Amino acid sequence: MELSRVLDVLRAFGRERVEYVLVGGVALALHGLVRATQDIDLFVAPSPDNVERAKAALRSVFGDPSIDDIDAGDLEGAYPVVRFVPDEESFVIDLIGRLGDAIRYQDLEVEEREVDGVRVRLATPRTLYRMKRDTVRLIDRADAEALKRRFALEEDP
């Protein structure tokens, strides 16, 4: 996945004033922990207005009619993740409303940085660590350990 395509999406999200936080492998890479990933993981505030802005942003980049199928209710349901697979792209975009009962949009610590002229809102290393440390996926646990070492993170009390 090319960073330029990620930035196209994030530029559009900024232009449409989408409330989002970049998480996952791309966020790790922007913190200097590069690993292969084929998706863009975006926590989005699950309000109907915000989801409509996210859809407008995605339409401006991809023009795919399936974007209209994305619904704010999906991000508040039992499985609050919507996977969008853009036509003719080699990646997917996961829009996340929450992670179980453990992490909601408003729980995320965010930092902003500029990447190639694009303002990016990404989860802090501590937030990424909290998201990944107790999962069952081995890749997430490895990410958590790498974050802990790189940023000298301590366990929460």
N, C-alpha and C. Protein backbone atom coordinates (compact mmCIF):
# COMPACT_ATOMS: atom_id res chain seq x y z
N MET A 1 0.85 -1.17 0.00
CA MET A 1 0.00 0.00 0.00
C MET A 1 0.89 1.23 0.00
N GLU A 2 0.57 2.16 -0.85
CA GLU A 2 1.37 3.37 -0.97
C GLU A 2 0.87 4.44 0.00
N LEU A 3 1.83 5.10 0.65
CA LEU A 3 1.48 6.17 1.59
C LEU A 3 0.68 7.26 0.89
N SER A 4 0.97 7.51 -0.37
CA SER A 4 0.25 8.58 -1.08
C SER A 4 -1.25 8.31 -1.13
N ARG A 5 -1.66 7.04 -1.25
CA ARG A 5 -3.10 6.72 -1.28
C ARG A 5 -3.72 6.90 0.10
N VAL A 6 -2.96 6.54 1.14
CA VAL A 6 -3.44 6.78 2.51
C VAL A 6 -3.65 8.27 2.70
N LEU A 7 -2.69 9.06 2.27
CA LEU A 7 -2.79 10.51 2.44
C LEU A 7 -3.92 11.10 1.61
N ASP A 8 -4.23 10.52 0.46
CA ASP A 8 -5.39 10.97 -0.32
C ASP A 8 -6.66 10.84 0.52
N VAL A 9 -6.80 9.70 1.19
CA VAL A 9 -7.98 9.47 2.04
C VAL A 9 -7.99 10.44 3.21
N LEU A 10 -6.86 10.59 3.89
CA LEU A 10 -6.81 11.47 5.07
C LEU A 10 -6.98 12.93 4.69
N ARG A 11 -6.47 13.33 3.54
CA ARG A 11 -6.68 14.70 3.05
C ARG A 11 -8.17 14.95 2.86
N ALA A 12 -8.85 13.99 2.25
CA ALA A 12 -10.30 14.12 2.03
C ALA A 12 -11.05 14.15 3.35
N PHE A 13 -10.62 13.33 4.32
CA PHE A 13 -11.26 13.35 5.64
C PHE A 13 -11.09 14.72 6.29
N GLY A 14 -9.91 15.30 6.15
CA GLY A 14 -9.69 16.64 6.70
C GLY A 14 -10.54 17.69 6.01
N ARG A 15 -10.61 17.62 4.70
CA ARG A 15 -11.38 18.59 3.92
C ARG A 15 -12.87 18.54 4.31
N GLU A 16 -13.37 17.33 4.59
CA GLU A 16 -14.79 17.16 4.96
C GLU A 16 -15.03 17.29 6.46
N ARG A 17 -13.96 17.58 7.22
CA ARG A 17 -14.05 17.76 8.68
C ARG A 17 -14.58 16.50 9.39
N VAL A 18 -14.10 15.35 8.96
CA VAL A 18 -14.47 14.08 9.57
C VAL A 18 -13.74 13.96 10.91
N GLU A 19 -14.47 13.58 11.94
CA GLU A 19 -13.85 13.27 13.23
C GLU A 19 -13.34 11.84 13.14
N TYR A 20 -12.02 11.69 13.07
CA TYR A 20 -11.41 10.37 12.89
C TYR A 20 -10.10 10.31 13.65
N VAL A 21 -9.64 9.08 13.87
CA VAL A 21 -8.31 8.83 14.43
C VAL A 21 -7.73 7.64 13.68
N LEU A 22 -6.55 7.82 13.13
CA LEU A 22 -5.84 6.75 12.45
C LEU A 22 -5.25 5.81 13.49
N VAL A 23 -5.53 4.52 13.35
CA VAL A 23 -5.00 3.49 14.25
C VAL A 23 -4.40 2.38 13.37
N GLY A 24 -3.96 1.30 13.97
CA GLY A 24 -3.50 0.15 13.21
C GLY A 24 -2.10 0.31 12.65
N GLY A 25 -1.81 -0.49 11.62
CA GLY A 25 -0.46 -0.56 11.06
C GLY A 25 0.05 0.73 10.48
N VAL A 26 -0.83 1.52 9.85
CA VAL A 26 -0.38 2.79 9.28
C VAL A 26 0.00 3.76 10.40
N ALA A 27 -0.78 3.78 11.48
CA ALA A 27 -0.43 4.63 12.62
C ALA A 27 0.90 4.20 13.22
N LEU A 28 1.11 2.88 13.34
CA LEU A 28 2.39 2.38 13.83
C LEU A 28 3.54 2.90 12.97
N ALA A 29 3.36 2.82 11.65
CA ALA A 29 4.41 3.27 10.74
C ALA A 29 4.72 4.75 10.93
N LEU A 30 3.70 5.56 11.14
CA LEU A 30 3.93 6.98 11.34
C LEU A 30 4.62 7.26 12.67
N HIS A 31 4.55 6.30 13.59
CA HIS A 31 5.30 6.40 14.85
C HIS A 31 6.68 5.76 14.73
N GLY A 32 7.02 5.28 13.54
CA GLY A 32 8.35 4.73 13.31
C GLY A 32 8.47 3.23 13.47
N LEU A 33 7.36 2.53 13.63
CA LEU A 33 7.35 1.07 13.77
C LEU A 33 6.71 0.47 12.51
N VAL A 34 7.50 0.27 11.51
CA VAL A 34 6.99 -0.14 10.20
C VAL A 34 6.79 -1.65 10.16
N ARG A 35 5.60 -2.05 9.73
CA ARG A 35 5.31 -3.45 9.44
C ARG A 35 4.32 -3.48 8.29
N ALA A 36 4.28 -4.60 7.61
CA ALA A 36 3.39 -4.72 6.45
C ALA A 36 1.94 -4.63 6.89
N THR A 37 1.15 -3.92 6.12
CA THR A 37 -0.29 -3.84 6.36
C THR A 37 -0.98 -3.58 5.03
N GLN A 38 -2.17 -4.07 4.90
CA GLN A 38 -2.95 -3.87 3.68
C GLN A 38 -4.27 -3.17 3.96
N ASP A 39 -4.36 -2.53 5.13
CA ASP A 39 -5.59 -1.81 5.42
C ASP A 39 -5.30 -0.49 6.10
N ILE A 40 -6.27 0.40 5.98
CA ILE A 40 -6.24 1.68 6.67
C ILE A 40 -7.32 1.57 7.74
N ASP A 41 -6.90 1.60 9.00
CA ASP A 41 -7.83 1.49 10.12
C ASP A 41 -8.14 2.88 10.65
N LEU A 42 -9.40 3.26 10.58
CA LEU A 42 -9.82 4.59 10.99
C LEU A 42 -10.95 4.49 12.00
N PHE A 43 -10.69 4.92 13.23
CA PHE A 43 -11.76 5.09 14.20
C PHE A 43 -12.52 6.33 13.76
N VAL A 44 -13.82 6.26 13.69
CA VAL A 44 -14.61 7.44 13.36
C VAL A 44 -15.69 7.63 14.42
N ALA A 45 -15.94 8.89 14.76
CA ALA A 45 -17.05 9.18 15.67
C ALA A 45 -18.31 8.69 14.97
N PRO A 46 -19.10 7.84 15.64
CA PRO A 46 -20.20 7.17 14.94
C PRO A 46 -21.49 7.98 14.80
N SER A 47 -21.42 9.30 14.96
CA SER A 47 -22.64 10.10 14.80
C SER A 47 -23.07 10.10 13.33
N PRO A 48 -24.37 10.19 13.08
CA PRO A 48 -24.84 10.19 11.69
C PRO A 48 -24.20 11.29 10.83
N ASP A 49 -24.07 12.51 11.37
CA ASP A 49 -23.47 13.60 10.60
C ASP A 49 -22.03 13.30 10.24
N ASN A 50 -21.27 12.76 11.18
CA ASN A 50 -19.87 12.46 10.93
C ASN A 50 -19.72 11.34 9.90
N VAL A 51 -20.56 10.33 10.00
CA VAL A 51 -20.49 9.23 9.03
C VAL A 51 -20.83 9.74 7.63
N GLU A 52 -21.77 10.66 7.53
CA GLU A 52 -22.09 11.24 6.21
C GLU A 52 -20.89 12.02 5.67
N ARG A 53 -20.17 12.73 6.53
CA ARG A 53 -18.97 13.44 6.09
C ARG A 53 -17.89 12.45 5.64
N ALA A 54 -17.76 11.34 6.36
CA ALA A 54 -16.79 10.30 5.97
C ALA A 54 -17.15 9.73 4.61
N LYS A 55 -18.43 9.49 4.38
CA LYS A 55 -18.87 8.98 3.08
C LYS A 55 -18.57 9.97 1.97
N ALA A 56 -18.80 11.26 2.23
CA ALA A 56 -18.49 12.29 1.22
C ALA A 56 -17.00 12.29 0.91
N ALA A 57 -16.18 12.14 1.94
CA ALA A 57 -14.73 12.10 1.74
C ALA A 57 -14.34 10.89 0.90
N LEU A 58 -14.88 9.73 1.23
CA LEU A 58 -14.56 8.52 0.47
C LEU A 58 -15.02 8.64 -0.98
N ARG A 59 -16.21 9.21 -1.19
CA ARG A 59 -16.71 9.40 -2.56
C ARG A 59 -15.78 10.29 -3.38
N SER A 60 -15.21 11.31 -2.71
CA SER A 60 -14.34 12.24 -3.44
C SER A 60 -13.04 11.58 -3.88
N VAL A 61 -12.65 10.52 -3.20
CA VAL A 61 -11.42 9.81 -3.55
C VAL A 61 -11.70 8.65 -4.50
N PHE A 62 -12.78 7.91 -4.24
CA PHE A 62 -13.00 6.65 -4.96
C PHE A 62 -14.20 6.66 -5.91
N GLY A 63 -15.22 7.45 -5.65
CA GLY A 63 -16.38 7.46 -6.53
C GLY A 63 -17.09 6.13 -6.66
N ASP A 64 -17.01 5.31 -5.64
CA ASP A 64 -17.60 3.97 -5.66
C ASP A 64 -19.02 4.03 -5.09
N PRO A 65 -20.04 3.59 -5.85
CA PRO A 65 -21.41 3.68 -5.36
C PRO A 65 -21.68 2.85 -4.10
N SER A 66 -20.84 1.85 -3.81
CA SER A 66 -21.07 1.05 -2.60
C SER A 66 -20.82 1.86 -1.32
N ILE A 67 -20.20 3.01 -1.45
CA ILE A 67 -20.00 3.88 -0.28
C ILE A 67 -21.35 4.27 0.31
N ASP A 68 -22.37 4.38 -0.53
CA ASP A 68 -23.70 4.75 -0.05
C ASP A 68 -24.28 3.72 0.90
N ASP A 69 -23.76 2.50 0.89
CA ASP A 69 -24.26 1.44 1.77
C ASP A 69 -23.75 1.58 3.21
N ILE A 70 -22.75 2.42 3.42
CA ILE A 70 -22.22 2.61 4.78
C ILE A 70 -23.26 3.37 5.59
N ASP A 71 -23.55 2.86 6.79
CA ASP A 71 -24.59 3.43 7.63
C ASP A 71 -24.06 3.67 9.04
N ALA A 72 -24.41 4.80 9.62
CA ALA A 72 -23.95 5.12 10.98
C ALA A 72 -24.37 4.05 11.97
N GLY A 73 -25.54 3.47 11.78
CA GLY A 73 -26.02 2.42 12.68
C GLY A 73 -25.09 1.22 12.73
N ASP A 74 -24.42 0.95 11.62
CA ASP A 74 -23.47 -0.17 11.59
C ASP A 74 -22.31 0.05 12.55
N LEU A 75 -21.92 1.31 12.74
CA LEU A 75 -20.79 1.61 13.62
C LEU A 75 -21.18 1.64 15.09
N GLU A 76 -22.46 1.47 15.36
CA GLU A 76 -22.92 1.41 16.74
C GLU A 76 -23.50 0.04 17.08
N GLY A 77 -23.50 -0.87 16.13
CA GLY A 77 -24.12 -2.17 16.30
C GLY A 77 -23.24 -3.16 17.05
N ALA A 78 -23.63 -4.43 16.97
CA ALA A 78 -22.92 -5.50 17.68
C ALA A 78 -21.49 -5.67 17.17
N TYR A 79 -21.28 -5.48 15.87
CA TYR A 79 -19.94 -5.56 15.29
C TYR A 79 -19.66 -4.22 14.62
N PRO A 80 -19.14 -3.27 15.38
CA PRO A 80 -19.08 -1.88 14.92
C PRO A 80 -17.89 -1.54 14.02
N VAL A 81 -17.70 -2.34 13.00
CA VAL A 81 -16.65 -2.08 12.01
C VAL A 81 -17.27 -2.25 10.62
N VAL A 82 -17.00 -1.29 9.75
CA VAL A 82 -17.44 -1.38 8.37
C VAL A 82 -16.18 -1.48 7.51
N ARG A 83 -16.12 -2.49 6.68
CA ARG A 83 -14.98 -2.69 5.78
C ARG A 83 -15.38 -2.22 4.38
N PHE A 84 -14.62 -1.27 3.88
CA PHE A 84 -14.83 -0.75 2.53
C PHE A 84 -13.65 -1.18 1.67
N VAL A 85 -13.94 -1.83 0.56
CA VAL A 85 -12.91 -2.30 -0.36
C VAL A 85 -13.01 -1.48 -1.64
N PRO A 86 -12.13 -0.49 -1.79
CA PRO A 86 -12.20 0.34 -3.00
C PRO A 86 -11.87 -0.46 -4.26
N ASP A 87 -12.65 -0.23 -5.31
CA ASP A 87 -12.36 -0.87 -6.60
C ASP A 87 -10.97 -0.48 -7.07
N GLU A 88 -10.28 -1.43 -7.66
CA GLU A 88 -8.98 -1.21 -8.28
C GLU A 88 -7.91 -0.71 -7.31
N GLU A 89 -8.04 -1.02 -6.04
CA GLU A 89 -7.01 -0.67 -5.05
C GLU A 89 -6.50 -1.96 -4.42
N SER A 90 -5.34 -1.89 -3.83
CA SER A 90 -4.74 -3.08 -3.21
C SER A 90 -4.86 -3.04 -1.69
N PHE A 91 -5.80 -2.26 -1.18
CA PHE A 91 -5.97 -2.16 0.27
C PHE A 91 -7.46 -2.06 0.59
N VAL A 92 -7.76 -2.17 1.87
CA VAL A 92 -9.12 -1.99 2.36
C VAL A 92 -9.11 -0.89 3.42
N ILE A 93 -10.27 -0.35 3.68
CA ILE A 93 -10.42 0.67 4.71
C ILE A 93 -11.41 0.15 5.73
N ASP A 94 -10.97 0.07 6.98
CA ASP A 94 -11.86 -0.32 8.07
C ASP A 94 -12.27 0.93 8.83
N LEU A 95 -13.57 1.19 8.87
CA LEU A 95 -14.12 2.27 9.67
C LEU A 95 -14.61 1.65 10.97
N ILE A 96 -14.09 2.13 12.09
CA ILE A 96 -14.33 1.51 13.39
C ILE A 96 -15.10 2.47 14.28
N GLY A 97 -16.19 1.99 14.86
CA GLY A 97 -16.97 2.80 15.79
C GLY A 97 -16.53 2.62 17.23
N ARG A 98 -16.13 1.40 17.56
CA ARG A 98 -15.61 1.07 18.90
C ARG A 98 -15.00 -0.31 18.84
N LEU A 99 -14.21 -0.64 19.86
CA LEU A 99 -13.66 -2.00 19.99
C LEU A 99 -14.32 -2.62 21.21
N GLY A 100 -15.34 -3.42 20.96
CA GLY A 100 -16.08 -4.05 22.05
C GLY A 100 -16.60 -2.99 23.01
N ASP A 101 -16.49 -3.30 24.30
CA ASP A 101 -16.87 -2.33 25.32
C ASP A 101 -15.64 -1.63 25.88
N ALA A 102 -14.46 -1.98 25.37
CA ALA A 102 -13.21 -1.49 25.95
C ALA A 102 -12.80 -0.11 25.44
N ILE A 103 -12.97 0.15 24.15
CA ILE A 103 -12.45 1.39 23.58
C ILE A 103 -13.48 2.00 22.64
N ARG A 104 -13.85 3.24 22.96
CA ARG A 104 -14.75 4.01 22.12
C ARG A 104 -13.98 5.20 21.54
N TYR A 105 -14.55 5.84 20.55
CA TYR A 105 -13.89 6.97 19.91
C TYR A 105 -13.43 7.99 20.94
N GLN A 106 -14.30 8.33 21.86
CA GLN A 106 -13.98 9.38 22.84
C GLN A 106 -12.91 8.95 23.84
N ASP A 107 -12.55 7.67 23.87
CA ASP A 107 -11.50 7.19 24.77
C ASP A 107 -10.10 7.35 24.19
N LEU A 108 -10.00 7.66 22.92
CA LEU A 108 -8.71 7.68 22.24
C LEU A 108 -7.92 8.94 22.55
N GLU A 109 -6.64 8.76 22.85
CA GLU A 109 -5.72 9.90 22.96
C GLU A 109 -5.16 10.12 21.57
N VAL A 110 -5.16 11.37 21.14
CA VAL A 110 -4.83 11.69 19.75
C VAL A 110 -3.68 12.69 19.70
N GLU A 111 -2.84 12.53 18.70
CA GLU A 111 -1.87 13.57 18.38
C GLU A 111 -2.01 13.90 16.90
N GLU A 112 -1.72 15.12 16.57
CA GLU A 112 -1.78 15.54 15.18
C GLU A 112 -0.38 15.79 14.68
N ARG A 113 -0.16 15.42 13.43
CA ARG A 113 1.12 15.73 12.80
C ARG A 113 0.89 15.94 11.32
N GLU A 114 1.82 16.63 10.71
CA GLU A 114 1.73 16.86 9.28
C GLU A 114 2.62 15.85 8.57
N VAL A 115 2.05 15.20 7.58
CA VAL A 115 2.77 14.22 6.77
C VAL A 115 2.62 14.63 5.31
N ASP A 116 3.71 15.00 4.69
CA ASP A 116 3.68 15.43 3.29
C ASP A 116 2.57 16.45 3.02
N GLY A 117 2.43 17.41 3.92
CA GLY A 117 1.45 18.48 3.74
C GLY A 117 0.04 18.14 4.16
N VAL A 118 -0.18 16.95 4.69
CA VAL A 118 -1.52 16.52 5.12
C VAL A 118 -1.55 16.44 6.64
N ARG A 119 -2.55 17.10 7.25
CA ARG A 119 -2.72 17.04 8.69
C ARG A 119 -3.34 15.68 9.03
N VAL A 120 -2.66 14.91 9.89
CA VAL A 120 -3.09 13.55 10.23
C VAL A 120 -3.36 13.48 11.72
N ARG A 121 -4.53 12.93 12.06
CA ARG A 121 -4.89 12.67 13.47
C ARG A 121 -4.63 11.19 13.73
N LEU A 122 -3.65 10.90 14.59
CA LEU A 122 -3.36 9.50 14.85
C LEU A 122 -3.33 9.23 16.34
N ALA A 123 -3.60 7.98 16.67
CA ALA A 123 -3.59 7.55 18.07
C ALA A 123 -2.18 7.66 18.61
N THR A 124 -2.07 8.04 19.88
CA THR A 124 -0.77 8.11 20.52
C THR A 124 -0.21 6.70 20.69
N PRO A 125 1.10 6.58 20.88
CA PRO A 125 1.67 5.25 21.14
C PRO A 125 1.00 4.56 22.33
N ARG A 126 0.71 5.30 23.40
CA ARG A 126 0.06 4.69 24.57
C ARG A 126 -1.32 4.13 24.20
N THR A 127 -2.07 4.88 23.43
CA THR A 127 -3.39 4.40 23.01
C THR A 127 -3.27 3.15 22.15
N LEU A 128 -2.34 3.16 21.20
CA LEU A 128 -2.14 1.97 20.36
C LEU A 128 -1.75 0.78 21.22
N TYR A 129 -0.90 1.01 22.20
CA TYR A 129 -0.49 -0.07 23.11
C TYR A 129 -1.71 -0.64 23.85
N ARG A 130 -2.54 0.24 24.38
CA ARG A 130 -3.74 -0.22 25.11
C ARG A 130 -4.68 -1.00 24.20
N MET A 131 -4.76 -0.59 22.94
CA MET A 131 -5.64 -1.27 21.99
C MET A 131 -5.14 -2.66 21.65
N LYS A 132 -3.83 -2.86 21.67
CA LYS A 132 -3.24 -4.08 21.13
C LYS A 132 -2.75 -5.08 22.17
N ARG A 133 -2.51 -4.65 23.38
CA ARG A 133 -1.81 -5.52 24.34
C ARG A 133 -2.59 -6.77 24.75
N ASP A 134 -3.90 -6.71 24.83
CA ASP A 134 -4.68 -7.84 25.35
C ASP A 134 -5.48 -8.58 24.28
N THR A 135 -5.15 -8.39 23.02
CA THR A 135 -5.91 -9.06 21.97
C THR A 135 -5.42 -10.49 21.78
N VAL A 136 -6.17 -11.26 21.04
CA VAL A 136 -5.77 -12.64 20.78
C VAL A 136 -4.87 -12.75 19.55
N ARG A 137 -4.85 -11.72 18.71
CA ARG A 137 -4.01 -11.78 17.51
C ARG A 137 -2.54 -11.61 17.87
N LEU A 138 -1.72 -12.53 17.42
CA LEU A 138 -0.29 -12.47 17.72
C LEU A 138 0.36 -11.21 17.17
N ILE A 139 -0.05 -10.76 15.99
CA ILE A 139 0.54 -9.56 15.41
C ILE A 139 0.27 -8.34 16.30
N ASP A 140 -0.92 -8.28 16.89
CA ASP A 140 -1.24 -7.17 17.79
C ASP A 140 -0.40 -7.21 19.05
N ARG A 141 -0.21 -8.40 19.59
CA ARG A 141 0.63 -8.52 20.79
C ARG A 141 2.07 -8.14 20.49
N ALA A 142 2.55 -8.53 19.31
CA ALA A 142 3.91 -8.14 18.90
C ALA A 142 4.00 -6.62 18.73
N ASP A 143 2.96 -6.02 18.15
CA ASP A 143 2.93 -4.56 18.03
C ASP A 143 2.97 -3.90 19.41
N ALA A 144 2.19 -4.45 20.35
CA ALA A 144 2.16 -3.89 21.70
C ALA A 144 3.54 -3.94 22.35
N GLU A 145 4.22 -5.05 22.19
CA GLU A 145 5.57 -5.17 22.77
C GLU A 145 6.54 -4.19 22.12
N ALA A 146 6.43 -4.03 20.80
CA ALA A 146 7.30 -3.08 20.10
C ALA A 146 7.02 -1.65 20.56
N LEU A 147 5.76 -1.31 20.73
CA LEU A 147 5.39 0.02 21.24
C LEU A 147 5.93 0.23 22.65
N LYS A 148 5.78 -0.78 23.49
CA LYS A 148 6.24 -0.69 24.88
C LYS A 148 7.74 -0.43 24.93
N ARG A 149 8.50 -1.17 24.13
CA ARG A 149 9.96 -0.99 24.10
C ARG A 149 10.35 0.36 23.52
N ARG A 150 9.79 0.69 22.37
CA ARG A 150 10.20 1.90 21.65
C ARG A 150 9.89 3.17 22.43
N PHE A 151 8.76 3.18 23.12
CA PHE A 151 8.32 4.40 23.80
C PHE A 151 8.40 4.29 25.32
N ALA A 152 9.07 3.25 25.82
CA ALA A 152 9.26 3.04 27.26
C ALA A 152 7.93 3.19 28.01
N LEU A 153 6.92 2.49 27.51
CA LEU A 153 5.59 2.56 28.12
C LEU A 153 5.52 1.65 29.33
N GLU A 154 4.85 2.11 30.34
CA GLU A 154 4.62 1.33 31.55
C GLU A 154 3.21 0.75 31.51
N GLU A 155 3.03 -0.34 32.23
CA GLU A 155 1.69 -0.91 32.37
C GLU A 155 0.82 0.07 33.16
N ASP A 156 -0.47 0.10 32.83
CA ASP A 156 -1.40 0.92 33.61
C ASP A 156 -1.52 0.32 35.00
N PRO A 157 -1.71 1.17 36.00
CA PRO A 157 -1.86 0.63 37.37
C PRO A 157 -3.12 -0.18 37.53
